[in-house]
Amino acid sequence: MAKRAKAAAKNSRAASKLPASKLPKVAPGELFTLLDFVRYAVSRFMEAKLVFAHGTTDPVAEAAFLVCETLHLHPDQFETFATARNRPLTSSTKSTCAACRSMSMSV
């Protein structure tokens, strides 16, 4: 029994040391909506054969939760924003964001 456990641990350590080049590439601009990010996360979770517990029981729920947490959204708000498209920051958007931050600091 101990030999099998050691072999399984050794195999899982070897799998976790895969170089980043083995991961599927995602081209810039390929993931547009929150659903796209959830779908990508679910496929990665399934490939990694993750086990879900402590709050979520399936890869879709876990991925949706992680996306919402990253964006500081309550999980109940996921459906509202699921089809929202992400936009890359442009130079005007960056300056607007910087202006908003400086205004909020001066108040």
C-alpha atoms as a PDB file:
ATOM      1  CA  MET A   1       0.000   0.000   0.000  1.00  0.00           C
ATOM      2  CA  ALA A   2       2.790   2.431   0.895  1.00  0.00           C
ATOM      3  CA  LYS A   3       4.563   1.688  -2.396  1.00  0.00           C
ATOM      4  CA  ARG A   4       1.454   2.652  -4.367  1.00  0.00           C
ATOM      5  CA  ALA A   5       1.090   5.877  -2.382  1.00  0.00           C
ATOM      6  CA  LYS A   6       4.732   6.773  -3.000  1.00  0.00           C
ATOM      7  CA  ALA A   7       4.405   6.029  -6.710  1.00  0.00           C
ATOM      8  CA  ALA A   8       1.251   8.144  -6.965  1.00  0.00           C
ATOM      9  CA  ALA A   9       2.925  11.026  -5.123  1.00  0.00           C
ATOM     10  CA  LYS A  10       5.962  10.789  -7.393  1.00  0.00           C
ATOM     11  CA  ASN A  11       3.770  10.826 -10.520  1.00  0.00           C
ATOM     12  CA  SER A  12       1.760  13.822  -9.307  1.00  0.00           C
ATOM     13  CA  ARG A  13       4.963  15.748  -8.510  1.00  0.00           C
ATOM     14  CA  ALA A  14       6.325  14.996 -11.953  1.00  0.00           C
ATOM     15  CA  ALA A  15       3.098  16.177 -13.574  1.00  0.00           C
ATOM     16  CA  SER A  16       3.110  19.423 -11.571  1.00  0.00           C
ATOM     17  CA  LYS A  17       6.612  20.248 -12.866  1.00  0.00           C
ATOM     18  CA  LEU A  18       5.512  20.452 -16.489  1.00  0.00           C
ATOM     19  CA  PRO A  19       7.005  23.473 -18.213  1.00  0.00           C
ATOM     20  CA  ALA A  20       4.660  26.306 -19.116  1.00  0.00           C
ATOM     21  CA  SER A  21       5.182  25.514 -22.799  1.00  0.00           C
ATOM     22  CA  LYS A  22       3.081  22.351 -22.326  1.00  0.00           C
ATOM     23  CA  LEU A  23       0.048  24.431 -21.332  1.00  0.00           C
ATOM     24  CA  PRO A  24      -2.398  25.304 -24.115  1.00  0.00           C
ATOM     25  CA  LYS A  25      -1.684  28.713 -25.570  1.00  0.00           C
ATOM     26  CA  VAL A  26      -4.393  31.332 -25.507  1.00  0.00           C
ATOM     27  CA  ALA A  27      -3.930  34.033 -28.100  1.00  0.00           C
ATOM     28  CA  PRO A  28      -4.405  37.632 -26.983  1.00  0.00           C
ATOM     29  CA  GLY A  29      -7.986  38.619 -27.626  1.00  0.00           C
ATOM     30  CA  GLU A  30      -9.249  35.035 -27.665  1.00  0.00           C
ATOM     31  CA  LEU A  31     -11.045  35.285 -24.327  1.00  0.00           C
ATOM     32  CA  PHE A  32     -13.639  38.056 -24.562  1.00  0.00           C
ATOM     33  CA  THR A  33     -16.415  37.410 -22.068  1.00  0.00           C
ATOM     34  CA  LEU A  34     -16.548  36.089 -18.538  1.00  0.00           C
ATOM     35  CA  LEU A  35     -18.079  32.915 -19.971  1.00  0.00           C
ATOM     36  CA  ASP A  36     -14.987  32.482 -22.154  1.00  0.00           C
ATOM     37  CA  PHE A  37     -12.786  32.636 -19.055  1.00  0.00           C
ATOM     38  CA  VAL A  38     -15.033  30.158 -17.243  1.00  0.00           C
ATOM     39  CA  ARG A  39     -14.972  27.748 -20.203  1.00  0.00           C
ATOM     40  CA  TYR A  40     -11.178  27.961 -20.365  1.00  0.00           C
ATOM     41  CA  ALA A  41     -10.863  27.386 -16.610  1.00  0.00           C
ATOM     42  CA  VAL A  42     -13.239  24.410 -16.740  1.00  0.00           C
ATOM     43  CA  SER A  43     -11.221  22.783 -19.524  1.00  0.00           C
ATOM     44  CA  ARG A  44      -8.001  23.293 -17.529  1.00  0.00           C
ATOM     45  CA  PHE A  45      -9.646  21.908 -14.357  1.00  0.00           C
ATOM     46  CA  MET A  46     -10.886  18.834 -16.209  1.00  0.00           C
ATOM     47  CA  GLU A  47      -7.463  18.284 -17.761  1.00  0.00           C
ATOM     48  CA  ALA A  48      -5.863  18.512 -14.319  1.00  0.00           C
ATOM     49  CA  LYS A  49      -8.472  16.092 -12.895  1.00  0.00           C
ATOM     50  CA  LEU A  50      -9.179  18.350  -9.934  1.00  0.00           C
ATOM     51  CA  VAL A  51     -11.429  17.221  -7.106  1.00  0.00           C
ATOM     52  CA  PHE A  52     -13.977  19.773  -5.905  1.00  0.00           C
ATOM     53  CA  ALA A  53     -15.175  20.168  -2.345  1.00  0.00           C
ATOM     54  CA  HIS A  54     -15.526  22.776   0.394  1.00  0.00           C
ATOM     55  CA  GLY A  55     -18.137  24.957  -1.260  1.00  0.00           C
ATOM     56  CA  THR A  56     -18.285  23.926  -4.899  1.00  0.00           C
ATOM     57  CA  THR A  57     -18.946  20.488  -6.286  1.00  0.00           C
ATOM     58  CA  ASP A  58     -18.219  20.896  -9.979  1.00  0.00           C
ATOM     59  CA  PRO A  59     -15.681  22.657 -12.211  1.00  0.00           C
ATOM     60  CA  VAL A  60     -18.186  25.171 -13.625  1.00  0.00           C
ATOM     61  CA  ALA A  61     -19.165  26.467 -10.191  1.00  0.00           C
ATOM     62  CA  GLU A  62     -15.524  26.649  -9.106  1.00  0.00           C
ATOM     63  CA  ALA A  63     -14.476  28.519 -12.255  1.00  0.00           C
ATOM     64  CA  ALA A  64     -17.387  30.972 -11.981  1.00  0.00           C
ATOM     65  CA  PHE A  65     -16.524  31.590  -8.326  1.00  0.00           C
ATOM     66  CA  LEU A  66     -12.849  32.234  -9.114  1.00  0.00           C
ATOM     67  CA  VAL A  67     -13.692  34.606 -11.969  1.00  0.00           C
ATOM     68  CA  CYS A  68     -16.101  36.527  -9.728  1.00  0.00           C
ATOM     69  CA  GLU A  69     -13.586  36.711  -6.891  1.00  0.00           C
ATOM     70  CA  THR A  70     -10.918  38.015  -9.252  1.00  0.00           C
ATOM     71  CA  LEU A  71     -13.251  40.781 -10.451  1.00  0.00           C
ATOM     72  CA  HIS A  72     -14.569  41.539  -6.950  1.00  0.00           C
ATOM     73  CA  LEU A  73     -18.091  40.474  -7.929  1.00  0.00           C
ATOM     74  CA  HIS A  74     -20.481  38.610  -5.677  1.00  0.00           C
ATOM     75  CA  PRO A  75     -21.072  35.107  -7.120  1.00  0.00           C
ATOM     76  CA  ASP A  76     -24.773  35.947  -7.467  1.00  0.00           C
ATOM     77  CA  GLN A  77     -23.806  38.644  -9.982  1.00  0.00           C
ATOM     78  CA  PHE A  78     -22.128  36.243 -12.401  1.00  0.00           C
ATOM     79  CA  GLU A  79     -25.171  35.786 -14.635  1.00  0.00           C
ATOM     80  CA  THR A  80     -25.573  39.550 -14.937  1.00  0.00           C
ATOM     81  CA  PHE A  81     -22.030  40.017 -16.198  1.00  0.00           C
ATOM     82  CA  ALA A  82     -21.482  36.648 -17.921  1.00  0.00           C
ATOM     83  CA  THR A  83     -21.703  38.059 -21.434  1.00  0.00           C
ATOM     84  CA  ALA A  84     -19.904  41.321 -20.653  1.00  0.00           C
ATOM     85  CA  ARG A  85     -16.996  41.789 -23.021  1.00  0.00           C
ATOM     86  CA  ASN A  86     -13.556  42.725 -21.740  1.00  0.00           C
ATOM     87  CA  ARG A  87     -11.832  45.618 -23.427  1.00  0.00           C
ATOM     88  CA  PRO A  88      -8.099  46.152 -23.520  1.00  0.00           C
ATOM     89  CA  LEU A  89      -6.883  49.352 -21.925  1.00  0.00           C
ATOM     90  CA  THR A  90      -6.162  52.051 -24.479  1.00  0.00           C
ATOM     91  CA  SER A  91      -4.036  55.093 -23.833  1.00  0.00           C
ATOM     92  CA  SER A  92      -7.160  57.239 -23.270  1.00  0.00           C
ATOM     93  CA  THR A  93      -8.624  54.644 -20.895  1.00  0.00           C
ATOM     94  CA  LYS A  94      -5.363  54.504 -18.957  1.00  0.00           C
ATOM     95  CA  SER A  95      -5.269  58.296 -18.594  1.00  0.00           C
ATOM     96  CA  THR A  96      -8.922  58.340 -17.492  1.00  0.00           C
ATOM     97  CA  CYS A  97      -8.202  55.666 -14.878  1.00  0.00           C
ATOM     98  CA  ALA A  98      -5.174  57.635 -13.653  1.00  0.00           C
ATOM     99  CA  ALA A  99      -7.274  60.817 -13.495  1.00  0.00           C
ATOM    100  CA  CYS A 100      -9.994  59.052 -11.504  1.00  0.00           C
ATOM    101  CA  ARG A 101      -7.437  57.719  -9.035  1.00  0.00           C
ATOM    102  CA  SER A 102      -5.829  61.132  -8.534  1.00  0.00           C
ATOM    103  CA  MET A 103      -9.260  62.766  -8.017  1.00  0.00           C
ATOM    104  CA  SER A 104     -10.283  60.172  -5.447  1.00  0.00           C
ATOM    105  CA  MET A 105      -7.018  60.654  -3.564  1.00  0.00           C
ATOM    106  CA  SER A 106      -7.360  64.433  -3.464  1.00  0.00           C
ATOM    107  CA  VAL A 107     -10.887  64.322  -1.984  1.00  0.00           C
END
